[in-house]
N, C-alpha and C. Protein backbone atom coordinates (compact mmCIF):
# COMPACT_ATOMS: atom_id res chain seq x y z
N MET A 1 151.30 36.01 0.23
CA MET A 1 149.86 35.95 0.41
C MET A 1 149.50 35.78 1.89
N ILE A 2 150.30 35.01 2.62
CA ILE A 2 150.03 34.79 4.03
C ILE A 2 150.27 36.07 4.82
N ALA A 3 151.26 36.85 4.44
CA ALA A 3 151.54 38.11 5.13
C ALA A 3 150.39 39.09 4.96
N PHE A 4 149.79 39.06 3.76
CA PHE A 4 148.66 39.95 3.51
C PHE A 4 147.47 39.58 4.39
N ILE A 5 147.17 38.31 4.50
CA ILE A 5 146.06 37.85 5.35
C ILE A 5 146.36 38.15 6.82
N LYS A 6 147.62 37.95 7.21
CA LYS A 6 148.02 38.25 8.59
C LYS A 6 147.84 39.75 8.89
N THR A 7 148.22 40.61 7.96
CA THR A 7 148.08 42.06 8.14
C THR A 7 146.61 42.46 8.24
N ILE A 8 145.80 41.92 7.35
CA ILE A 8 144.36 42.22 7.37
C ILE A 8 143.74 41.75 8.67
N SER A 9 144.10 40.57 9.14
CA SER A 9 143.53 40.06 10.39
C SER A 9 143.96 40.90 11.58
N ILE A 10 145.20 41.38 11.60
CA ILE A 10 145.66 42.25 12.70
C ILE A 10 144.90 43.57 12.68
N ILE A 11 144.70 44.14 11.51
CA ILE A 11 143.97 45.40 11.39
C ILE A 11 142.53 45.22 11.87
N LEU A 12 141.88 44.12 11.45
CA LEU A 12 140.50 43.87 11.89
C LEU A 12 140.44 43.61 13.40
N LEU A 13 141.39 42.89 13.92
CA LEU A 13 141.43 42.61 15.35
C LEU A 13 141.60 43.89 16.16
N VAL A 14 142.49 44.76 15.73
CA VAL A 14 142.69 46.04 16.42
C VAL A 14 141.43 46.91 16.30
N TYR A 15 140.82 46.94 15.13
CA TYR A 15 139.62 47.75 14.93
C TYR A 15 138.48 47.29 15.84
N TYR A 16 138.19 45.99 15.82
CA TYR A 16 137.09 45.50 16.65
C TYR A 16 137.44 45.53 18.14
N GLY A 17 138.70 45.38 18.47
CA GLY A 17 139.13 45.49 19.87
C GLY A 17 138.92 46.90 20.40
N LEU A 18 139.33 47.90 19.63
CA LEU A 18 139.13 49.30 20.04
C LEU A 18 137.65 49.65 20.11
N LYS A 19 136.89 49.13 19.17
CA LYS A 19 135.46 49.39 19.16
C LYS A 19 134.80 48.82 20.42
N PHE A 20 135.20 47.62 20.83
CA PHE A 20 134.65 46.99 22.02
C PHE A 20 135.07 47.75 23.28
N ILE A 21 136.34 48.13 23.36
CA ILE A 21 136.84 48.85 24.54
C ILE A 21 136.18 50.22 24.66
N LEU A 22 135.99 50.91 23.54
CA LEU A 22 135.35 52.23 23.59
C LEU A 22 133.89 52.13 23.99
N LYS A 23 133.22 51.03 23.61
CA LYS A 23 131.83 50.84 24.06
C LYS A 23 131.76 50.68 25.57
N LEU A 24 132.73 50.00 26.13
CA LEU A 24 132.76 49.82 27.58
C LEU A 24 133.17 51.10 28.31
N ALA A 25 134.08 51.87 27.70
CA ALA A 25 134.62 53.04 28.37
C ALA A 25 133.82 54.31 28.10
N ALA A 26 132.90 54.30 27.16
CA ALA A 26 132.16 55.51 26.78
C ALA A 26 131.41 56.15 27.95
N PRO A 27 130.70 55.41 28.80
CA PRO A 27 130.01 56.06 29.93
C PRO A 27 130.96 56.79 30.87
N TYR A 28 132.13 56.20 31.11
CA TYR A 28 133.10 56.83 32.01
C TYR A 28 133.70 58.08 31.37
N ILE A 29 133.94 58.02 30.08
CA ILE A 29 134.48 59.19 29.37
C ILE A 29 133.46 60.32 29.37
N MET A 30 132.19 59.99 29.13
CA MET A 30 131.14 61.02 29.14
C MET A 30 130.98 61.63 30.52
N LYS A 31 131.05 60.80 31.55
CA LYS A 31 130.93 61.30 32.92
C LYS A 31 132.08 62.25 33.25
N TYR A 32 133.30 61.89 32.81
CA TYR A 32 134.47 62.73 33.04
C TYR A 32 134.30 64.09 32.38
N PHE A 33 133.90 64.11 31.10
CA PHE A 33 133.75 65.38 30.40
C PHE A 33 132.58 66.20 30.93
N SER A 34 131.50 65.54 31.37
CA SER A 34 130.38 66.30 31.92
C SER A 34 130.75 66.94 33.25
N LYS A 35 131.56 66.26 34.06
CA LYS A 35 132.03 66.87 35.32
C LYS A 35 132.92 68.07 35.05
N ARG A 36 133.80 67.95 34.05
CA ARG A 36 134.67 69.09 33.70
C ARG A 36 133.86 70.27 33.21
N LEU A 37 132.84 69.98 32.39
CA LEU A 37 131.99 71.05 31.86
C LEU A 37 131.19 71.70 32.98
N ALA A 38 130.68 70.91 33.91
CA ALA A 38 129.93 71.46 35.04
C ALA A 38 130.83 72.32 35.93
N ALA A 39 132.06 71.90 36.13
CA ALA A 39 132.99 72.69 36.94
C ALA A 39 133.29 74.01 36.26
N ARG A 40 133.49 73.99 34.95
CA ARG A 40 133.76 75.22 34.22
C ARG A 40 132.54 76.15 34.26
N PHE A 41 131.36 75.57 34.15
CA PHE A 41 130.12 76.35 34.22
C PHE A 41 129.99 77.00 35.60
N ASP A 42 130.29 76.26 36.66
CA ASP A 42 130.21 76.83 38.01
C ASP A 42 131.19 77.98 38.20
N VAL A 43 132.39 77.85 37.66
CA VAL A 43 133.40 78.91 37.79
C VAL A 43 132.94 80.16 37.06
N ASN A 44 132.36 79.99 35.87
CA ASN A 44 131.95 81.15 35.08
C ASN A 44 130.77 81.88 35.70
N PHE A 45 129.86 81.17 36.33
CA PHE A 45 128.65 81.80 36.81
C PHE A 45 128.59 81.95 38.32
N SER A 46 129.66 81.63 39.02
CA SER A 46 129.66 81.80 40.47
C SER A 46 129.96 83.25 40.86
N ASN A 47 130.48 84.05 39.94
CA ASN A 47 130.82 85.44 40.24
C ASN A 47 129.63 86.38 40.18
N THR A 48 128.48 85.92 39.72
CA THR A 48 127.31 86.77 39.63
C THR A 48 126.74 87.02 41.02
N PRO A 49 126.29 88.23 41.30
CA PRO A 49 125.72 88.50 42.62
C PRO A 49 124.39 87.78 42.80
N PRO A 50 124.09 87.36 44.01
CA PRO A 50 122.83 86.66 44.22
C PRO A 50 121.64 87.60 44.07
N GLN A 51 120.56 87.07 43.57
CA GLN A 51 119.34 87.85 43.38
C GLN A 51 118.53 87.82 44.66
N ASN A 52 118.32 88.96 45.28
CA ASN A 52 117.56 89.05 46.53
C ASN A 52 116.18 89.61 46.24
N ASN A 53 115.39 88.89 45.49
CA ASN A 53 114.06 89.35 45.15
C ASN A 53 113.12 89.27 46.34
N ALA A 54 113.41 88.38 47.29
CA ALA A 54 112.53 88.22 48.45
C ALA A 54 112.61 89.42 49.39
N GLN A 55 113.73 90.13 49.41
CA GLN A 55 113.92 91.24 50.33
C GLN A 55 113.32 92.55 49.81
N LYS A 56 113.02 92.63 48.52
CA LYS A 56 112.47 93.85 47.97
C LYS A 56 110.98 93.93 48.25
N LYS A 57 110.55 95.12 48.58
CA LYS A 57 109.12 95.34 48.81
C LYS A 57 108.43 95.57 47.47
N GLU A 58 107.15 95.34 47.45
CA GLU A 58 106.39 95.52 46.22
C GLU A 58 106.37 97.00 45.86
N GLY A 59 106.68 97.32 44.62
CA GLY A 59 106.68 98.71 44.15
C GLY A 59 108.01 99.41 44.37
N GLU A 60 108.97 98.78 45.02
CA GLU A 60 110.27 99.41 45.27
C GLU A 60 111.09 99.39 43.98
N VAL A 61 111.73 100.51 43.69
CA VAL A 61 112.51 100.64 42.46
C VAL A 61 113.99 100.63 42.81
N THR A 62 114.74 99.80 42.11
CA THR A 62 116.19 99.78 42.29
C THR A 62 116.86 99.94 40.94
N ILE A 63 118.00 100.61 40.95
CA ILE A 63 118.77 100.82 39.72
C ILE A 63 120.07 100.05 39.87
N ASP A 64 120.28 99.06 39.01
CA ASP A 64 121.48 98.24 39.08
C ASP A 64 122.66 98.90 38.37
N LYS A 65 122.40 99.64 37.32
CA LYS A 65 123.48 100.24 36.54
C LYS A 65 123.13 101.69 36.25
N VAL A 66 124.05 102.57 36.55
CA VAL A 66 123.86 103.99 36.26
C VAL A 66 124.31 104.24 34.83
N PRO A 67 123.46 104.81 33.99
CA PRO A 67 123.87 105.05 32.61
C PRO A 67 124.99 106.07 32.53
N SER A 68 125.88 105.88 31.57
CA SER A 68 126.99 106.81 31.41
C SER A 68 126.47 108.13 30.85
N LYS A 69 127.09 109.21 31.25
CA LYS A 69 126.66 110.53 30.81
C LYS A 69 127.45 110.93 29.58
N GLN A 70 126.83 110.79 28.43
CA GLN A 70 127.46 111.18 27.17
C GLN A 70 126.74 112.40 26.64
N LYS A 71 127.52 113.39 26.27
CA LYS A 71 126.93 114.61 25.73
C LYS A 71 126.62 114.40 24.25
N SER A 72 125.48 114.87 23.86
CA SER A 72 125.06 114.75 22.47
C SER A 72 125.79 115.79 21.63
N SER A 73 126.23 115.37 20.45
CA SER A 73 126.92 116.31 19.56
C SER A 73 125.91 117.16 18.79
N ASN A 74 124.63 116.83 18.87
CA ASN A 74 123.59 117.55 18.17
C ASN A 74 123.17 118.76 19.03
N THR A 75 123.65 119.96 18.68
CA THR A 75 123.34 121.16 19.48
C THR A 75 122.20 121.96 18.89
N VAL A 76 121.67 121.55 17.72
CA VAL A 76 120.62 122.31 17.05
C VAL A 76 119.29 122.14 17.78
N GLY A 77 118.97 120.97 18.18
CA GLY A 77 117.70 120.71 18.84
C GLY A 77 116.97 119.57 18.17
N GLN A 78 115.74 119.38 18.60
CA GLN A 78 114.96 118.27 18.08
C GLN A 78 114.17 118.73 16.85
N TYR A 79 114.16 117.92 15.80
CA TYR A 79 113.45 118.26 14.58
C TYR A 79 112.05 117.65 14.65
N VAL A 80 111.03 118.49 14.42
CA VAL A 80 109.65 118.02 14.42
C VAL A 80 109.06 118.36 13.06
N ASP A 81 108.48 117.36 12.40
CA ASP A 81 107.90 117.56 11.07
C ASP A 81 106.39 117.76 11.25
N TYR A 82 105.90 118.94 10.79
CA TYR A 82 104.46 119.24 10.89
C TYR A 82 103.82 119.03 9.54
N GLU A 83 102.56 118.65 9.58
CA GLU A 83 101.81 118.44 8.38
C GLU A 83 100.60 119.37 8.40
N GLU A 84 100.35 120.08 7.27
CA GLU A 84 99.21 120.99 7.23
C GLU A 84 97.92 120.22 7.04
N ILE A 85 96.88 120.69 7.74
CA ILE A 85 95.56 120.08 7.63
C ILE A 85 94.64 121.08 6.94
N ASP A 86 93.87 120.66 5.93
CA ASP A 86 92.96 121.56 5.21
C ASP A 86 91.74 121.86 6.02
């Protein structure tokens, strides 16, 4: 019976001890993970070219991506449906 009480008290002591330590360490753990996430975010988005909107004149047109030239397999032409009017 004493061994059972001793085991239960050790389990409760470890549980509440870990709970207390994690409460104290939680801000530092969150700060660590947020710094890692911010570093990963910077690496992923640092390769994008800078937007130079200030250098463009009003009404100036720029093309960032040239569309690929794919030939249409439809050689018949465009179909137009006409409706008769009385």
